[in-house]
């Protein structure tokens, strides 16, 4: 887990710049509204949520009551009750999304793209599921059918997230690729699910060379030794997906609202971005020259 003070200082510096501009842009209808300030600042709340996703706790209630209120009172002297804190968490979605934009990595010429399922209900409970009845969809991944959403990630070879998007569980993996690759150039490595002539051509026109493996019923294509090596290292993005699910806990079936789901995913991604040690591919001098070619 990253240093709590370092996380707070970075989040607080961001909030000092972002929050005043955000409040100025909020649209009001002219009626008087209560603007009651919370005892806890937005930066304090964001720090607690991020720290939870970097911890080994599986339940936020036990984390907040058992750790934050009991042992972190020196850091957070004005802690809210658990119920009140939960009721104010939806207000963190916008600043957390904006904060993520400051943590994204930079393109390096090598990128990997993949999607992973975000299940919101066990399959046997799908018929009586209510929270995401209108938004979640049934989809099929490598582990079988699921009900929920998909998390699409674009990363560089240093394990830094370049872009992300959440879609319904039944959306084709190729659909969000163009949006994710808006500011990308160089090589993009993907699995067989991203094969498509139209997508390859559109990416090529924007300066992105899509490299994929081939299906069994397709003719073998000639690719360079460097591309073969990079395709064999696609495990890096699968490792990140695994860390997001099992450490940052972006996937669980205990959500009680869509806003809670969104905050859980984005704060889990932010917690990963703040990690000092990320899975990465070490490239030597000749490899870096191959990128530039």
C-alpha atoms as a PDB file:
ATOM      1  CA  UNK A   1       0.000   0.000   0.000  1.00  0.00           C
ATOM      2  CA  UNK A   2       1.294   3.483  -0.890  1.00  0.00           C
ATOM      3  CA  UNK A   3       2.113   5.933   1.899  1.00  0.00           C
ATOM      4  CA  UNK A   4      -1.128   7.436   3.228  1.00  0.00           C
ATOM      5  CA  UNK A   5       0.362  10.916   3.669  1.00  0.00           C
ATOM      6  CA  UNK A   6       1.760  10.907   0.124  1.00  0.00           C
ATOM      7  CA  UNK A   7      -1.632   9.916  -1.293  1.00  0.00           C
ATOM      8  CA  UNK A   8      -3.399  12.644   0.660  1.00  0.00           C
ATOM      9  CA  UNK A   9      -0.894  15.343  -0.337  1.00  0.00           C
ATOM     10  CA  UNK A  10      -1.199  14.464  -4.019  1.00  0.00           C
ATOM     11  CA  UNK A  11      -5.011  14.261  -3.884  1.00  0.00           C
ATOM     12  CA  UNK A  12      -5.258  17.486  -1.864  1.00  0.00           C
ATOM     13  CA  UNK A  13      -3.037  19.380  -4.321  1.00  0.00           C
ATOM     14  CA  UNK A  14      -5.306  18.201  -7.136  1.00  0.00           C
ATOM     15  CA  UNK A  15      -8.515  19.144  -5.274  1.00  0.00           C
ATOM     16  CA  UNK A  16      -7.221  22.636  -4.521  1.00  0.00           C
ATOM     17  CA  UNK A  17      -6.978  23.231  -8.280  1.00  0.00           C
ATOM     18  CA  UNK A  18      -9.971  21.234  -9.471  1.00  0.00           C
ATOM     19  CA  UNK A  19     -12.761  21.830  -6.931  1.00  0.00           C
ATOM     20  CA  UNK A  20     -13.049  25.640  -7.308  1.00  0.00           C
ATOM     21  CA  UNK A  21     -13.236  25.334 -11.114  1.00  0.00           C
ATOM     22  CA  UNK A  22     -15.716  22.463 -10.848  1.00  0.00           C
ATOM     23  CA  UNK A  23     -18.027  24.411  -8.523  1.00  0.00           C
ATOM     24  CA  UNK A  24     -17.995  27.414 -10.870  1.00  0.00           C
ATOM     25  CA  UNK A  25     -19.144  25.255 -13.786  1.00  0.00           C
ATOM     26  CA  UNK A  26     -22.020  23.571 -11.940  1.00  0.00           C
ATOM     27  CA  UNK A  27     -25.356  24.549 -13.458  1.00  0.00           C
ATOM     28  CA  UNK A  28     -27.943  25.974 -11.063  1.00  0.00           C
ATOM     29  CA  UNK A  29     -31.644  26.659 -11.698  1.00  0.00           C
ATOM     30  CA  UNK A  30     -31.827  29.806  -9.567  1.00  0.00           C
ATOM     31  CA  UNK A  31     -33.493  28.272  -6.535  1.00  0.00           C
ATOM     32  CA  UNK A  32     -31.792  28.435  -3.177  1.00  0.00           C
ATOM     33  CA  UNK A  33     -30.144  25.212  -2.148  1.00  0.00           C
ATOM     34  CA  UNK A  34     -28.420  24.174   1.023  1.00  0.00           C
ATOM     35  CA  UNK A  35     -24.674  24.194   0.625  1.00  0.00           C
ATOM     36  CA  UNK A  36     -23.775  22.517   3.862  1.00  0.00           C
ATOM     37  CA  UNK A  37     -20.063  21.816   4.065  1.00  0.00           C
ATOM     38  CA  UNK A  38     -19.053  18.416   5.356  1.00  0.00           C
ATOM     39  CA  UNK A  39     -16.706  18.061   8.306  1.00  0.00           C
ATOM     40  CA  UNK A  40     -14.475  15.988   6.027  1.00  0.00           C
ATOM     41  CA  UNK A  41     -12.977  17.471   2.892  1.00  0.00           C
ATOM     42  CA  UNK A  42     -13.280  15.871  -0.534  1.00  0.00           C
ATOM     43  CA  UNK A  43      -9.550  15.120  -0.519  1.00  0.00           C
ATOM     44  CA  UNK A  44      -9.879  13.270   2.810  1.00  0.00           C
ATOM     45  CA  UNK A  45     -12.759  11.168   1.503  1.00  0.00           C
ATOM     46  CA  UNK A  46     -10.945  10.391  -1.744  1.00  0.00           C
ATOM     47  CA  UNK A  47      -7.837   9.372   0.196  1.00  0.00           C
ATOM     48  CA  UNK A  48      -9.839   6.945   2.342  1.00  0.00           C
ATOM     49  CA  UNK A  49     -11.544   5.369  -0.671  1.00  0.00           C
ATOM     50  CA  UNK A  50      -8.236   5.000  -2.547  1.00  0.00           C
ATOM     51  CA  UNK A  51      -6.537   3.550   0.552  1.00  0.00           C
ATOM     52  CA  UNK A  52      -9.297   0.947   0.822  1.00  0.00           C
ATOM     53  CA  UNK A  53      -8.611  -0.252  -2.715  1.00  0.00           C
ATOM     54  CA  UNK A  54      -4.904  -0.549  -1.937  1.00  0.00           C
ATOM     55  CA  UNK A  55      -5.508  -2.488   1.270  1.00  0.00           C
ATOM     56  CA  UNK A  56      -6.275  -6.160   1.726  1.00  0.00           C
ATOM     57  CA  UNK A  57      -9.722  -5.474   3.190  1.00  0.00           C
ATOM     58  CA  UNK A  58     -12.605  -7.083   1.328  1.00  0.00           C
ATOM     59  CA  UNK A  59     -15.370  -5.088   2.992  1.00  0.00           C
ATOM     60  CA  UNK A  60     -15.458  -1.274   3.146  1.00  0.00           C
ATOM     61  CA  UNK A  61     -17.550  -1.191   6.319  1.00  0.00           C
ATOM     62  CA  UNK A  62     -14.994  -3.172   8.300  1.00  0.00           C
ATOM     63  CA  UNK A  63     -12.206  -1.091   6.766  1.00  0.00           C
ATOM     64  CA  UNK A  64     -13.826   2.214   7.721  1.00  0.00           C
ATOM     65  CA  UNK A  65     -15.041   1.292  11.196  1.00  0.00           C
ATOM     66  CA  UNK A  66     -12.249  -1.081  12.162  1.00  0.00           C
ATOM     67  CA  UNK A  67      -9.280   0.802  10.714  1.00  0.00           C
ATOM     68  CA  UNK A  68     -10.057   4.401   9.758  1.00  0.00           C
ATOM     69  CA  UNK A  69     -12.156   5.339  12.796  1.00  0.00           C
ATOM     70  CA  UNK A  70     -10.127   3.304  15.278  1.00  0.00           C
ATOM     71  CA  UNK A  71      -6.499   3.713  14.187  1.00  0.00           C
ATOM     72  CA  UNK A  72      -6.425   6.617  11.714  1.00  0.00           C
ATOM     73  CA  UNK A  73      -8.137   9.227  13.894  1.00  0.00           C
ATOM     74  CA  UNK A  74      -4.846  11.133  14.046  1.00  0.00           C
ATOM     75  CA  UNK A  75      -4.902  11.526  10.259  1.00  0.00           C
ATOM     76  CA  UNK A  76      -8.678  12.066   9.998  1.00  0.00           C
ATOM     77  CA  UNK A  77      -9.844  13.813  13.202  1.00  0.00           C
ATOM     78  CA  UNK A  78     -13.266  14.736  11.779  1.00  0.00           C
ATOM     79  CA  UNK A  79     -14.401  11.344  10.542  1.00  0.00           C
ATOM     80  CA  UNK A  80     -18.079  10.975   9.709  1.00  0.00           C
ATOM     81  CA  UNK A  81     -20.231   8.098  10.839  1.00  0.00           C
ATOM     82  CA  UNK A  82     -20.125   5.148   8.462  1.00  0.00           C
ATOM     83  CA  UNK A  83     -23.708   5.766   7.264  1.00  0.00           C
ATOM     84  CA  UNK A  84     -23.060   9.454   6.615  1.00  0.00           C
ATOM     85  CA  UNK A  85     -19.807   8.692   4.776  1.00  0.00           C
ATOM     86  CA  UNK A  86     -21.597   6.221   2.493  1.00  0.00           C
ATOM     87  CA  UNK A  87     -24.285   8.811   1.715  1.00  0.00           C
ATOM     88  CA  UNK A  88     -21.669  11.351   0.604  1.00  0.00           C
ATOM     89  CA  UNK A  89     -19.562   9.006  -1.542  1.00  0.00           C
ATOM     90  CA  UNK A  90     -21.533   9.623  -4.763  1.00  0.00           C
ATOM     91  CA  UNK A  91     -20.158  13.188  -4.784  1.00  0.00           C
ATOM     92  CA  UNK A  92     -16.660  11.759  -5.277  1.00  0.00           C
ATOM     93  CA  UNK A  93     -17.287  10.324  -8.756  1.00  0.00           C
ATOM     94  CA  UNK A  94     -16.557  13.506 -10.743  1.00  0.00           C
ATOM     95  CA  UNK A  95     -13.376  14.529  -8.868  1.00  0.00           C
ATOM     96  CA  UNK A  96     -12.144  10.912  -8.907  1.00  0.00           C
ATOM     97  CA  UNK A  97     -12.626  10.690 -12.693  1.00  0.00           C
ATOM     98  CA  UNK A  98     -10.831  14.018 -13.133  1.00  0.00           C
ATOM     99  CA  UNK A  99      -8.021  12.863 -10.840  1.00  0.00           C
ATOM    100  CA  UNK A 100      -7.589   9.736 -12.961  1.00  0.00           C
ATOM    101  CA  UNK A 101      -6.917  11.945 -15.989  1.00  0.00           C
ATOM    102  CA  UNK A 102      -3.832  13.328 -14.209  1.00  0.00           C
ATOM    103  CA  UNK A 103      -2.496   9.832 -13.463  1.00  0.00           C
ATOM    104  CA  UNK A 104      -2.706   8.298 -16.939  1.00  0.00           C
ATOM    105  CA  UNK A 105       0.513   7.132 -18.550  1.00  0.00           C
ATOM    106  CA  UNK A 106       2.019   8.431 -21.771  1.00  0.00           C
ATOM    107  CA  UNK A 107       2.219   6.507 -25.079  1.00  0.00           C
ATOM    108  CA  UNK A 108       5.558   4.763 -25.581  1.00  0.00           C
ATOM    109  CA  UNK A 109       5.031   3.330 -29.074  1.00  0.00           C
ATOM    110  CA  UNK A 110       3.957  -0.036 -27.647  1.00  0.00           C
ATOM    111  CA  UNK A 111       0.429  -0.538 -26.330  1.00  0.00           C
ATOM    112  CA  UNK A 112      -1.772  -3.457 -25.312  1.00  0.00           C
ATOM    113  CA  UNK A 113      -5.557  -3.554 -25.289  1.00  0.00           C
ATOM    114  CA  UNK A 114      -7.940  -5.991 -23.651  1.00  0.00           C
ATOM    115  CA  UNK A 115     -11.289  -6.220 -21.887  1.00  0.00           C
ATOM    116  CA  UNK A 116     -12.372  -8.025 -18.760  1.00  0.00           C
ATOM    117  CA  UNK A 117     -15.778  -8.808 -17.331  1.00  0.00           C
ATOM    118  CA  UNK A 118     -17.231  -6.954 -14.352  1.00  0.00           C
ATOM    119  CA  UNK A 119     -19.873  -9.279 -12.925  1.00  0.00           C
ATOM    120  CA  UNK A 120     -22.556  -7.617 -10.802  1.00  0.00           C
ATOM    121  CA  UNK A 121     -24.603 -10.701 -10.025  1.00  0.00           C
ATOM    122  CA  UNK A 122     -24.191 -14.442  -9.711  1.00  0.00           C
ATOM    123  CA  UNK A 123     -25.707 -16.193 -12.721  1.00  0.00           C
ATOM    124  CA  UNK A 124     -28.388 -17.961 -10.704  1.00  0.00           C
ATOM    125  CA  UNK A 125     -29.593 -14.607  -9.329  1.00  0.00           C
ATOM    126  CA  UNK A 126     -29.893 -12.824 -12.680  1.00  0.00           C
ATOM    127  CA  UNK A 127     -33.704 -13.212 -13.030  1.00  0.00           C
ATOM    128  CA  UNK A 128     -34.326 -11.387  -9.715  1.00  0.00           C
ATOM    129  CA  UNK A 129     -31.504  -8.854  -9.949  1.00  0.00           C
ATOM    130  CA  UNK A 130     -32.816  -5.265  -9.707  1.00  0.00           C
ATOM    131  CA  UNK A 131     -29.968  -2.757  -9.231  1.00  0.00           C
ATOM    132  CA  UNK A 132     -28.580  -3.026 -12.787  1.00  0.00           C
ATOM    133  CA  UNK A 133     -31.660  -4.464 -14.462  1.00  0.00           C
ATOM    134  CA  UNK A 134     -31.783  -1.671 -17.068  1.00  0.00           C
ATOM    135  CA  UNK A 135     -28.055  -1.177 -17.690  1.00  0.00           C
ATOM    136  CA  UNK A 136     -26.192  -4.480 -17.243  1.00  0.00           C
ATOM    137  CA  UNK A 137     -26.268  -7.126 -19.958  1.00  0.00           C
ATOM    138  CA  UNK A 138     -25.368 -10.775 -20.380  1.00  0.00           C
ATOM    139  CA  UNK A 139     -22.030 -11.300 -22.043  1.00  0.00           C
ATOM    140  CA  UNK A 140     -19.616 -14.122 -22.732  1.00  0.00           C
ATOM    141  CA  UNK A 141     -15.906 -14.147 -21.984  1.00  0.00           C
ATOM    142  CA  UNK A 142     -13.157 -16.728 -21.759  1.00  0.00           C
ATOM    143  CA  UNK A 143     -14.580 -17.899 -18.417  1.00  0.00           C
ATOM    144  CA  UNK A 144     -18.119 -18.315 -19.754  1.00  0.00           C
ATOM    145  CA  UNK A 145     -21.337 -16.317 -19.483  1.00  0.00           C
ATOM    146  CA  UNK A 146     -21.724 -13.452 -17.032  1.00  0.00           C
ATOM    147  CA  UNK A 147     -24.142 -10.627 -16.210  1.00  0.00           C
ATOM    148  CA  UNK A 148     -22.707  -7.134 -15.875  1.00  0.00           C
ATOM    149  CA  UNK A 149     -20.298  -4.883 -17.715  1.00  0.00           C
ATOM    150  CA  UNK A 150     -16.938  -4.888 -19.449  1.00  0.00           C
ATOM    151  CA  UNK A 151     -13.874  -2.884 -18.490  1.00  0.00           C
ATOM    152  CA  UNK A 152     -11.771  -1.981 -21.539  1.00  0.00           C
ATOM    153  CA  UNK A 153      -8.143  -1.036 -20.836  1.00  0.00           C
ATOM    154  CA  UNK A 154      -5.366   0.413 -22.955  1.00  0.00           C
ATOM    155  CA  UNK A 155      -1.881   0.247 -21.408  1.00  0.00           C
ATOM    156  CA  UNK A 156       1.738   0.856 -22.416  1.00  0.00           C
ATOM    157  CA  UNK A 157       4.649  -1.559 -21.904  1.00  0.00           C
ATOM    158  CA  UNK A 158       5.455   0.065 -18.538  1.00  0.00           C
ATOM    159  CA  UNK A 159       2.134  -1.120 -17.120  1.00  0.00           C
ATOM    160  CA  UNK A 160       0.652   2.384 -17.094  1.00  0.00           C
ATOM    161  CA  UNK A 161      -3.011   2.817 -18.030  1.00  0.00           C
ATOM    162  CA  UNK A 162      -3.456   5.096 -21.055  1.00  0.00           C
ATOM    163  CA  UNK A 163      -7.257   4.942 -21.322  1.00  0.00           C
ATOM    164  CA  UNK A 164     -10.230   3.015 -19.998  1.00  0.00           C
ATOM    165  CA  UNK A 165     -13.899   2.608 -20.755  1.00  0.00           C
ATOM    166  CA  UNK A 166     -16.834   0.737 -19.232  1.00  0.00           C
ATOM    167  CA  UNK A 167     -19.441  -0.806 -21.522  1.00  0.00           C
ATOM    168  CA  UNK A 168     -22.367  -3.210 -21.264  1.00  0.00           C
ATOM    169  CA  UNK A 169     -21.439  -6.864 -21.002  1.00  0.00           C
ATOM    170  CA  UNK A 170     -22.696  -7.709 -24.489  1.00  0.00           C
ATOM    171  CA  UNK A 171     -20.758  -5.011 -26.353  1.00  0.00           C
ATOM    172  CA  UNK A 172     -18.242  -6.153 -28.958  1.00  0.00           C
ATOM    173  CA  UNK A 173     -14.633  -5.674 -27.857  1.00  0.00           C
ATOM    174  CA  UNK A 174     -13.841  -3.806 -31.095  1.00  0.00           C
ATOM    175  CA  UNK A 175     -16.489  -1.105 -30.588  1.00  0.00           C
ATOM    176  CA  UNK A 176     -14.635   1.196 -28.121  1.00  0.00           C
ATOM    177  CA  UNK A 177     -11.166   0.743 -29.654  1.00  0.00           C
ATOM    178  CA  UNK A 178     -11.184   3.901 -31.778  1.00  0.00           C
ATOM    179  CA  UNK A 179     -12.176   6.104 -28.819  1.00  0.00           C
ATOM    180  CA  UNK A 180      -9.537   4.506 -26.604  1.00  0.00           C
ATOM    181  CA  UNK A 181      -6.808   5.022 -29.224  1.00  0.00           C
ATOM    182  CA  UNK A 182      -7.495   8.698 -30.028  1.00  0.00           C
ATOM    183  CA  UNK A 183      -4.067   9.924 -28.919  1.00  0.00           C
ATOM    184  CA  UNK A 184      -2.156   6.740 -29.692  1.00  0.00           C
ATOM    185  CA  UNK A 185       0.549   6.032 -32.280  1.00  0.00           C
ATOM    186  CA  UNK A 186       2.789   3.018 -32.855  1.00  0.00           C
ATOM    187  CA  UNK A 187       2.071  -0.651 -32.271  1.00  0.00           C
ATOM    188  CA  UNK A 188      -1.111  -1.948 -30.656  1.00  0.00           C
ATOM    189  CA  UNK A 189      -1.143  -5.604 -29.589  1.00  0.00           C
ATOM    190  CA  UNK A 190      -4.414  -7.440 -29.042  1.00  0.00           C
ATOM    191  CA  UNK A 191      -5.944 -10.921 -28.996  1.00  0.00           C
ATOM    192  CA  UNK A 192      -8.105 -12.609 -31.625  1.00  0.00           C
ATOM    193  CA  UNK A 193     -11.237 -10.808 -30.465  1.00  0.00           C
ATOM    194  CA  UNK A 194      -9.984  -7.595 -32.089  1.00  0.00           C
ATOM    195  CA  UNK A 195      -9.473  -9.019 -35.588  1.00  0.00           C
ATOM    196  CA  UNK A 196     -11.314  -6.951 -38.180  1.00  0.00           C
ATOM    197  CA  UNK A 197     -10.363  -5.438 -41.531  1.00  0.00           C
ATOM    198  CA  UNK A 198     -12.357  -2.245 -41.012  1.00  0.00           C
ATOM    199  CA  UNK A 199     -10.875  -1.661 -37.552  1.00  0.00           C
ATOM    200  CA  UNK A 200      -7.333  -2.388 -38.750  1.00  0.00           C
ATOM    201  CA  UNK A 201      -7.686   0.069 -41.639  1.00  0.00           C
ATOM    202  CA  UNK A 202      -9.187   2.822 -39.474  1.00  0.00           C
ATOM    203  CA  UNK A 203      -6.407   2.460 -36.923  1.00  0.00           C
ATOM    204  CA  UNK A 204      -3.792   2.405 -39.692  1.00  0.00           C
ATOM    205  CA  UNK A 205      -5.122   5.694 -41.038  1.00  0.00           C
ATOM    206  CA  UNK A 206      -4.664   7.263 -37.597  1.00  0.00           C
ATOM    207  CA  UNK A 207      -1.086   6.000 -37.217  1.00  0.00           C
ATOM    208  CA  UNK A 208      -1.719   2.846 -35.182  1.00  0.00           C
ATOM    209  CA  UNK A 209      -0.536  -0.573 -36.373  1.00  0.00           C
ATOM    210  CA  UNK A 210      -2.849  -3.259 -34.939  1.00  0.00           C
ATOM    211  CA  UNK A 211      -1.056  -6.584 -34.419  1.00  0.00           C
ATOM    212  CA  UNK A 212      -3.050  -9.677 -33.487  1.00  0.00           C
ATOM    213  CA  UNK A 213      -2.710 -13.426 -33.595  1.00  0.00           C
ATOM    214  CA  UNK A 214      -4.781 -15.392 -36.127  1.00  0.00           C
ATOM    215  CA  UNK A 215      -7.683 -17.767 -35.702  1.00  0.00           C
ATOM    216  CA  UNK A 216      -7.363 -21.437 -36.558  1.00  0.00           C
ATOM    217  CA  UNK A 217      -9.417 -21.049 -39.750  1.00  0.00           C
ATOM    218  CA  UNK A 218      -7.297 -18.139 -41.018  1.00  0.00           C
ATOM    219  CA  UNK A 219      -4.159 -18.160 -43.106  1.00  0.00           C
ATOM    220  CA  UNK A 220      -0.935 -17.581 -41.230  1.00  0.00           C
ATOM    221  CA  UNK A 221       0.473 -14.082 -41.685  1.00  0.00           C
ATOM    222  CA  UNK A 222       4.061 -12.958 -41.652  1.00  0.00           C
ATOM    223  CA  UNK A 223       4.969 -10.788 -38.693  1.00  0.00           C
ATOM    224  CA  UNK A 224       8.338  -9.651 -37.400  1.00  0.00           C
ATOM    225  CA  UNK A 225      10.199 -11.397 -34.600  1.00  0.00           C
ATOM    226  CA  UNK A 226       9.689  -8.309 -32.432  1.00  0.00           C
ATOM    227  CA  UNK A 227       5.910  -8.423 -32.932  1.00  0.00           C
ATOM    228  CA  UNK A 228       5.875 -12.130 -32.094  1.00  0.00           C
ATOM    229  CA  UNK A 229       7.766 -11.407 -28.898  1.00  0.00           C
ATOM    230  CA  UNK A 230       5.364  -8.629 -27.919  1.00  0.00           C
ATOM    231  CA  UNK A 231       2.316 -10.800 -28.631  1.00  0.00           C
ATOM    232  CA  UNK A 232       3.760 -13.414 -26.280  1.00  0.00           C
ATOM    233  CA  UNK A 233       3.967 -10.739 -23.572  1.00  0.00           C
ATOM    234  CA  UNK A 234       0.277  -9.846 -23.633  1.00  0.00           C
ATOM    235  CA  UNK A 235       0.133 -11.387 -20.181  1.00  0.00           C
ATOM    236  CA  UNK A 236       1.063  -7.937 -18.857  1.00  0.00           C
ATOM    237  CA  UNK A 237      -2.444  -6.572 -19.413  1.00  0.00           C
ATOM    238  CA  UNK A 238      -3.988  -9.778 -18.088  1.00  0.00           C
ATOM    239  CA  UNK A 239      -1.854  -9.349 -14.961  1.00  0.00           C
ATOM    240  CA  UNK A 240      -3.185  -5.793 -14.555  1.00  0.00           C
ATOM    241  CA  UNK A 241      -6.765  -7.007 -14.964  1.00  0.00           C
ATOM    242  CA  UNK A 242      -6.080  -9.607 -12.281  1.00  0.00           C
ATOM    243  CA  UNK A 243      -4.658  -6.981  -9.897  1.00  0.00           C
ATOM    244  CA  UNK A 244      -7.624  -4.680 -10.485  1.00  0.00           C
ATOM    245  CA  UNK A 245     -10.043  -7.479  -9.609  1.00  0.00           C
ATOM    246  CA  UNK A 246      -8.233  -9.207  -6.750  1.00  0.00           C
ATOM    247  CA  UNK A 247      -6.361  -6.317  -5.111  1.00  0.00           C
ATOM    248  CA  UNK A 248      -8.241  -3.160  -6.130  1.00  0.00           C
ATOM    249  CA  UNK A 249     -11.541  -5.091  -6.071  1.00  0.00           C
ATOM    250  CA  UNK A 250     -13.188  -3.363  -9.032  1.00  0.00           C
ATOM    251  CA  UNK A 251     -15.487  -6.393  -9.340  1.00  0.00           C
ATOM    252  CA  UNK A 252     -17.988  -7.593  -6.756  1.00  0.00           C
ATOM    253  CA  UNK A 253     -21.723  -8.318  -6.579  1.00  0.00           C
ATOM    254  CA  UNK A 254     -22.673  -6.255  -3.506  1.00  0.00           C
ATOM    255  CA  UNK A 255     -23.464  -2.966  -5.255  1.00  0.00           C
ATOM    256  CA  UNK A 256     -26.599  -1.136  -4.161  1.00  0.00           C
ATOM    257  CA  UNK A 257     -26.532   1.666  -6.765  1.00  0.00           C
ATOM    258  CA  UNK A 258     -25.048   2.500 -10.156  1.00  0.00           C
ATOM    259  CA  UNK A 259     -23.155   5.444  -8.684  1.00  0.00           C
ATOM    260  CA  UNK A 260     -21.562   3.113  -6.136  1.00  0.00           C
ATOM    261  CA  UNK A 261     -20.503   0.795  -8.950  1.00  0.00           C
ATOM    262  CA  UNK A 262     -18.936   3.644 -10.936  1.00  0.00           C
ATOM    263  CA  UNK A 263     -17.038   5.003  -7.931  1.00  0.00           C
ATOM    264  CA  UNK A 264     -15.812   1.526  -7.035  1.00  0.00           C
ATOM    265  CA  UNK A 265     -14.368   0.957 -10.512  1.00  0.00           C
ATOM    266  CA  UNK A 266     -12.737   4.357 -11.004  1.00  0.00           C
ATOM    267  CA  UNK A 267     -11.278   4.483  -7.482  1.00  0.00           C
ATOM    268  CA  UNK A 268      -9.906   0.965  -7.933  1.00  0.00           C
ATOM    269  CA  UNK A 269      -8.215   2.043 -11.167  1.00  0.00           C
ATOM    270  CA  UNK A 270      -6.832   5.168  -9.454  1.00  0.00           C
ATOM    271  CA  UNK A 271      -5.466   3.002  -6.630  1.00  0.00           C
ATOM    272  CA  UNK A 272      -3.630   0.909  -9.226  1.00  0.00           C
ATOM    273  CA  UNK A 273      -2.254   4.004 -10.977  1.00  0.00           C
ATOM    274  CA  UNK A 274      -0.754   5.222  -7.686  1.00  0.00           C
ATOM    275  CA  UNK A 275       1.165   1.976  -7.131  1.00  0.00           C
ATOM    276  CA  UNK A 276       4.927   2.447  -7.337  1.00  0.00           C
ATOM    277  CA  UNK A 277       5.550  -1.056  -8.635  1.00  0.00           C
ATOM    278  CA  UNK A 278       3.588  -2.093 -11.706  1.00  0.00           C
ATOM    279  CA  UNK A 279       4.028  -5.074 -14.039  1.00  0.00           C
ATOM    280  CA  UNK A 280       6.202  -3.943 -16.940  1.00  0.00           C
ATOM    281  CA  UNK A 281       8.137  -5.277 -19.924  1.00  0.00           C
ATOM    282  CA  UNK A 282      11.858  -4.553 -19.854  1.00  0.00           C
ATOM    283  CA  UNK A 283      13.161  -3.532 -23.258  1.00  0.00           C
ATOM    284  CA  UNK A 284      16.826  -3.450 -24.272  1.00  0.00           C
ATOM    285  CA  UNK A 285      18.462  -1.081 -26.784  1.00  0.00           C
ATOM    286  CA  UNK A 286      17.668  -3.153 -29.912  1.00  0.00           C
ATOM    287  CA  UNK A 287      14.046  -3.441 -28.797  1.00  0.00           C
ATOM    288  CA  UNK A 288      13.724   0.311 -28.474  1.00  0.00           C
ATOM    289  CA  UNK A 289      15.177   0.725 -31.952  1.00  0.00           C
ATOM    290  CA  UNK A 290      12.545  -1.674 -33.292  1.00  0.00           C
ATOM    291  CA  UNK A 291       9.807   0.548 -31.861  1.00  0.00           C
ATOM    292  CA  UNK A 292      11.103   3.537 -33.769  1.00  0.00           C
ATOM    293  CA  UNK A 293      11.228   1.648 -37.081  1.00  0.00           C
END
